[in-house]
Protein backbone atom coordinates (compact mmCIF):
# COMPACT_ATOMS: atom_id res chain seq x y z
CA UNK A 1 65.48 131.05 127.46
CA UNK A 2 64.86 129.04 124.27
CA UNK A 3 66.97 127.43 121.56
CA UNK A 4 65.93 130.29 119.27
CA UNK A 5 67.59 132.66 121.75
CA UNK A 6 70.83 130.69 121.58
CA UNK A 7 70.75 130.51 117.77
CA UNK A 8 69.99 134.24 117.56
CA UNK A 9 72.94 135.13 119.75
CA UNK A 10 75.30 132.92 117.75
CA UNK A 11 74.28 134.67 114.52
CA UNK A 12 74.57 138.09 116.15
CA UNK A 13 77.98 137.18 117.54
CA UNK A 14 79.21 136.17 114.09
CA UNK A 15 77.76 139.13 112.15
CA UNK A 16 78.20 141.86 114.82
CA UNK A 17 75.35 143.95 113.39
CA UNK A 18 71.75 143.82 114.63
CA UNK A 19 70.19 144.85 111.32
CA UNK A 20 72.16 142.29 109.26
CA UNK A 21 71.66 139.58 111.90
CA UNK A 22 67.90 140.17 111.84
CA UNK A 23 67.88 139.69 108.06
CA UNK A 24 69.86 136.44 108.45
CA UNK A 25 67.40 135.21 111.09
CA UNK A 26 64.38 136.35 109.07
CA UNK A 27 62.97 138.45 111.90
CA UNK A 28 62.58 142.18 112.41
CA UNK A 29 65.33 144.26 113.96
CA UNK A 30 63.05 145.26 116.82
CA UNK A 31 62.21 141.58 117.52
CA UNK A 32 65.91 140.71 117.67
CA UNK A 33 66.67 143.68 119.94
CA UNK A 34 63.80 142.65 122.22
CA UNK A 35 65.10 139.07 122.31
CA UNK A 36 68.57 140.28 123.22
CA UNK A 37 67.23 142.51 126.02
CA UNK A 38 65.18 139.60 127.40
CA UNK A 39 68.24 137.32 127.43
CA UNK A 40 70.37 139.92 129.21
CA UNK A 41 67.62 140.56 131.76
CA UNK A 42 67.27 136.84 132.46
CA UNK A 43 71.02 136.42 132.85
CA UNK A 44 71.38 139.72 134.70
CA UNK A 45 74.45 140.58 132.67
CA UNK A 46 75.33 142.52 129.53
CA UNK A 47 76.27 140.34 126.56
CA UNK A 48 76.78 143.00 123.90
CA UNK A 49 77.86 146.63 123.96
CA UNK A 50 75.88 148.77 121.50
CA UNK A 51 77.93 151.94 121.80
CA UNK A 52 79.13 151.42 118.24
CA UNK A 53 75.92 150.87 116.25
CA UNK A 54 77.75 149.77 113.12
CA UNK A 55 80.04 147.23 114.81
CA UNK A 56 78.81 145.62 118.03
CA UNK A 57 81.27 144.69 120.76
CA UNK A 58 80.96 141.39 122.61
CA UNK A 59 81.49 141.68 126.35
CA UNK A 60 83.45 139.13 128.38
CA UNK A 61 80.13 137.70 129.56
CA UNK A 62 79.05 137.54 125.94
CA UNK A 63 82.14 135.50 125.03
CA UNK A 64 81.34 132.98 127.78
CA UNK A 65 77.69 132.84 126.74
CA UNK A 66 78.66 132.27 123.11
CA UNK A 67 80.74 129.20 124.00
CA UNK A 68 77.86 127.68 125.96
CA UNK A 69 75.37 128.58 123.22
CA UNK A 70 77.49 126.70 120.69
CA UNK A 71 77.69 123.64 122.97
CA UNK A 72 73.96 123.62 123.72
CA UNK A 73 72.87 123.98 120.08
CA UNK A 74 75.36 121.40 118.80
CA UNK A 75 74.25 118.89 121.47
CA UNK A 76 70.64 119.52 120.50
CA UNK A 77 71.44 118.84 116.86
CA UNK A 78 73.24 115.60 117.82
CA UNK A 79 70.20 114.56 119.84
CA UNK A 80 67.90 115.22 116.86
CA UNK A 81 70.17 113.18 114.59
CA UNK A 82 70.24 110.23 116.97
CA UNK A 83 66.49 110.33 117.51
CA UNK A 84 65.98 110.41 113.74
CA UNK A 85 68.22 107.33 113.49
CA UNK A 86 65.98 105.53 115.97
CA UNK A 87 62.90 106.66 114.06
CA UNK A 88 64.21 105.18 110.83
CA UNK A 89 65.07 101.95 112.70
CA UNK A 90 61.49 101.30 113.77
CA UNK A 91 60.85 98.49 111.29
CA UNK A 92 62.78 96.35 108.86
CA UNK A 93 64.74 93.16 108.28
CA UNK A 94 68.50 92.61 108.20
CA UNK A 95 69.61 89.80 105.89
CA UNK A 96 72.92 88.44 107.20
CA UNK A 97 75.07 85.60 105.92
CA UNK A 98 77.63 83.92 108.17
CA UNK A 99 79.96 80.99 108.28
CA UNK A 100 78.55 78.71 111.05
CA UNK A 101 80.56 80.06 113.98
CA UNK A 102 78.26 82.69 115.49
CA UNK A 103 78.02 81.27 119.02
CA UNK A 104 81.72 80.36 119.33
CA UNK A 105 82.73 83.99 118.90
CA UNK A 106 80.04 85.50 121.14
CA UNK A 107 78.17 87.00 118.19
CA UNK A 108 74.81 85.47 119.08
CA UNK A 109 74.93 87.34 122.39
CA UNK A 110 75.57 90.64 120.62
CA UNK A 111 72.88 89.89 118.06
CA UNK A 112 70.42 89.10 120.85
CA UNK A 113 71.22 92.44 122.52
CA UNK A 114 70.59 94.26 119.23
CA UNK A 115 67.21 92.54 118.90
CA UNK A 116 66.35 93.55 122.46
CA UNK A 117 67.24 97.20 121.81
CA UNK A 118 65.48 97.30 118.44
CA UNK A 119 62.44 95.01 118.78
CA UNK A 120 61.00 96.06 115.41
CA UNK A 121 64.11 94.99 113.48
CA UNK A 122 63.99 91.35 112.39
CA UNK A 123 67.10 89.38 111.50
CA UNK A 124 67.24 86.74 108.80
CA UNK A 125 70.44 84.75 109.30
CA UNK A 126 71.76 82.27 106.75
CA UNK A 127 74.65 80.09 107.86
CA UNK A 128 76.53 79.29 104.67
CA UNK A 129 79.72 77.73 103.45
CA UNK A 130 82.34 80.21 102.31
CA UNK A 131 81.86 79.88 98.54
CA UNK A 132 78.09 80.35 98.78
CA UNK A 133 78.50 83.27 101.17
CA UNK A 134 80.90 85.03 98.81
CA UNK A 135 78.50 84.49 95.90
CA UNK A 136 75.58 86.01 97.82
CA UNK A 137 77.70 89.01 98.85
CA UNK A 138 78.94 89.62 95.32
CA UNK A 139 75.36 89.45 94.01
CA UNK A 140 74.32 91.96 96.72
CA UNK A 141 71.82 89.48 98.13
CA UNK A 142 72.97 90.10 101.71
CA UNK A 143 73.17 93.24 103.84
CA UNK A 144 76.16 91.89 105.77
CA UNK A 145 78.48 88.88 105.78
CA UNK A 146 80.51 87.29 108.58
CA UNK A 147 83.46 85.27 107.32
CA UNK A 148 87.17 84.67 107.73
CA UNK A 149 89.81 86.96 106.28
CA UNK A 150 91.10 84.29 103.90
CA UNK A 151 87.59 84.25 102.39
CA UNK A 152 86.95 88.00 102.36
CA UNK A 153 90.26 88.54 100.54
CA UNK A 154 88.55 87.13 97.46
CA UNK A 155 86.19 90.14 97.39
CA UNK A 156 87.01 93.35 95.54
CA UNK A 157 88.36 95.76 98.18
CA UNK A 158 87.08 98.76 96.25
CA UNK A 159 83.54 97.41 96.57
CA UNK A 160 83.52 95.92 100.07
CA UNK A 161 84.42 97.14 103.53
CA UNK A 162 85.84 94.65 106.08
CA UNK A 163 85.93 95.05 109.88
CA UNK A 164 87.83 92.66 112.17
CA UNK A 165 85.54 91.13 114.80
CA UNK A 166 87.82 88.59 116.45
CA UNK A 167 91.21 86.91 116.20
CA UNK A 168 91.80 83.16 116.23
CA UNK A 169 94.62 80.69 115.75
CA UNK A 170 94.61 77.67 113.43
CA UNK A 171 95.62 74.58 115.37
CA UNK A 172 96.19 70.90 114.73
CA UNK A 173 93.50 68.75 116.37
CA UNK A 174 94.49 65.19 117.27
CA UNK A 175 93.20 62.24 119.28
CA UNK A 176 94.65 62.40 122.80
CA UNK A 177 96.44 59.09 122.17
CA UNK A 178 98.04 60.24 118.89
CA UNK A 179 101.89 60.10 118.89
CA UNK A 180 102.10 63.79 117.91
CA UNK A 181 99.95 64.74 120.92
CA UNK A 182 103.09 64.50 123.06
CA UNK A 183 104.66 67.46 121.25
CA UNK A 184 104.22 71.06 122.39
CA UNK A 185 104.01 72.28 118.79
CA UNK A 186 103.78 70.63 115.40
CA UNK A 187 105.75 71.40 112.25
CA UNK A 188 104.71 70.75 108.68
CA UNK A 189 107.43 68.11 108.44
CA UNK A 190 105.65 66.20 111.24
CA UNK A 191 102.53 66.10 109.06
CA UNK A 192 104.13 64.93 105.81
CA UNK A 193 102.81 61.32 105.96
CA UNK A 194 99.76 61.91 108.15
CA UNK A 195 96.22 61.32 106.83
CA UNK A 196 94.13 64.48 106.92
CA UNK A 197 90.40 65.04 107.37
CA UNK A 198 89.24 68.61 106.96
CA UNK A 199 86.41 71.06 106.55
CA UNK A 200 85.26 71.61 102.98
CA UNK A 201 86.86 74.04 100.52
CA UNK A 202 85.47 77.51 101.20
CA UNK A 203 85.58 77.01 104.96
CA UNK A 204 88.63 79.21 105.45
CA UNK A 205 90.31 76.32 107.24
CA UNK A 206 90.78 74.40 103.99
CA UNK A 207 92.40 77.38 102.28
CA UNK A 208 94.79 78.01 105.19
CA UNK A 209 95.76 74.32 105.27
CA UNK A 210 96.29 74.24 101.50
CA UNK A 211 98.60 77.27 101.70
CA UNK A 212 100.61 75.67 104.51
CA UNK A 213 101.23 72.48 102.55
CA UNK A 214 102.04 74.40 99.39
CA UNK A 215 104.61 76.49 101.27
CA UNK A 216 106.09 73.31 102.77
CA UNK A 217 106.47 71.80 99.30
CA UNK A 218 104.29 68.70 99.56
CA UNK A 219 100.68 67.66 99.01
CA UNK A 220 98.34 66.88 101.92
CA UNK A 221 96.90 63.37 102.07
CA UNK A 222 93.25 64.46 102.36
CA UNK A 223 91.05 61.41 103.03
CA UNK A 224 87.77 63.03 104.00
CA UNK A 225 86.01 66.41 103.89
CA UNK A 226 82.82 67.60 105.60
CA UNK A 227 81.20 70.91 106.59
CA UNK A 228 80.65 69.73 110.19
CA UNK A 229 83.20 69.93 113.02
CA UNK A 230 81.61 67.15 115.07
CA UNK A 231 81.86 64.80 112.07
CA UNK A 232 85.54 65.64 111.68
CA UNK A 233 86.22 64.77 115.29
CA UNK A 234 84.40 61.48 114.90
CA UNK A 235 86.61 60.67 111.91
CA UNK A 236 89.87 61.16 113.80
CA UNK A 237 88.83 59.45 117.06
CA UNK A 238 91.20 56.57 117.94
CA UNK A 239 93.06 56.87 114.63
CA UNK A 240 96.35 58.29 113.37
CA UNK A 241 94.50 61.00 111.42
CA UNK A 242 94.48 64.69 112.31
CA UNK A 243 92.42 67.70 111.38
CA UNK A 244 92.83 71.48 111.48
CA UNK A 245 90.46 73.89 113.21
CA UNK A 246 90.47 77.40 114.57
CA UNK A 247 90.83 77.20 118.34
CA UNK A 248 87.74 79.21 119.38
CA UNK A 249 85.53 77.56 116.77
CA UNK A 250 86.60 74.08 117.91
CA UNK A 251 86.42 74.64 121.68
CA UNK A 252 82.71 73.77 122.26
CA UNK A 253 83.15 70.42 120.46
CA UNK A 254 86.30 69.22 122.19
CA UNK A 255 86.30 66.53 124.88
CA UNK A 256 89.21 64.97 126.82
CA UNK A 257 89.53 62.51 123.93
CA UNK A 258 91.08 65.27 121.81
CA UNK A 259 93.91 67.77 122.12
CA UNK A 260 94.97 70.75 120.04
CA UNK A 261 98.52 71.79 119.29
CA UNK A 262 99.80 75.01 117.69
CA UNK A 263 101.95 75.05 114.60
CA UNK A 264 105.65 75.71 115.13
CA UNK A 265 104.99 79.02 113.44
CA UNK A 266 101.60 80.20 114.83
CA UNK A 267 98.99 80.89 112.19
CA UNK A 268 96.62 83.74 113.12
CA UNK A 269 93.40 84.61 111.32
CA UNK A 270 90.62 87.19 111.71
CA UNK A 271 86.88 86.75 111.67
CA UNK A 272 85.51 89.72 109.73
CA UNK A 273 82.27 91.56 109.14
CA UNK A 274 81.98 92.43 105.45
CA UNK A 275 79.49 94.69 103.69
CA UNK A 276 79.18 96.51 100.34
CA UNK A 277 80.54 100.05 100.42
CA UNK A 278 77.96 102.82 100.39
CA UNK A 279 74.87 100.62 100.65
CA UNK A 280 74.37 100.21 104.40
CA UNK A 281 70.91 100.99 105.74
CA UNK A 282 70.44 102.72 109.11
CA UNK A 283 69.62 99.34 110.67
CA UNK A 284 72.75 97.74 109.19
CA UNK A 285 74.97 100.60 110.36
CA UNK A 286 73.63 100.28 113.89
CA UNK A 287 74.12 96.49 113.80
CA UNK A 288 77.73 96.94 112.70
CA UNK A 289 78.36 99.14 115.75
CA UNK A 290 77.02 96.37 118.01
CA UNK A 291 79.42 93.77 116.62
CA UNK A 292 82.55 95.93 116.46
């Protein structure tokens, strides 16, 4: 039995007339009748009663066969679609921009798996600061962007789609010998007169910190900014300064010389995958499914 047999029976089931079904299938009536007889002989059961030539009657066996015919043909079509997807993914390059946190959130592992499964797809990754990343996305110079929600909120929602990849918490990072390190949580009042070092504007951290101080009603005493976490930690070591970092992003850099403390009111943020609506290539769509 072939797929053509299944398709023929589905059409015959729906039309209930051999002559009209033959026209729909673009074959002769005798060829369709012969195909039906062959199917019934192979199955050793009657699928259709032809007592009424003008309106065929489907037998109980025919009803069962119809359900399986639908399943088989739909699965075949799904298989063809998926194979076509793989065919179109044979070659190409994905241009991705990301804030420099790929490894901390396990994204390099997922990216590596994608490259293993699709060896002909190359990835060009640019690790950028938030402002530059937003500019490249808005100019449609990237297929995909990985950034924090506070950054992606600056994009036009009608033009960009955002998918949450991970959740993190903004924490205060202090030297282990800092007086505030003895507290279980830290309030904004505790930080009023404390010197701050921080990641640069556009980092997502800076914007969250700025909003916290604005809500508290006072201005942060920012003494130093840098794009590098390890430099920040060096600047607070054995001092009374503090910094702010997302917990998962900071974890690989922390030693026993440092501790992190949550805010009295926990501050949660999402790392997001962002891409222009309606412009994703097959390769980009498949990559999105790997990261989600």
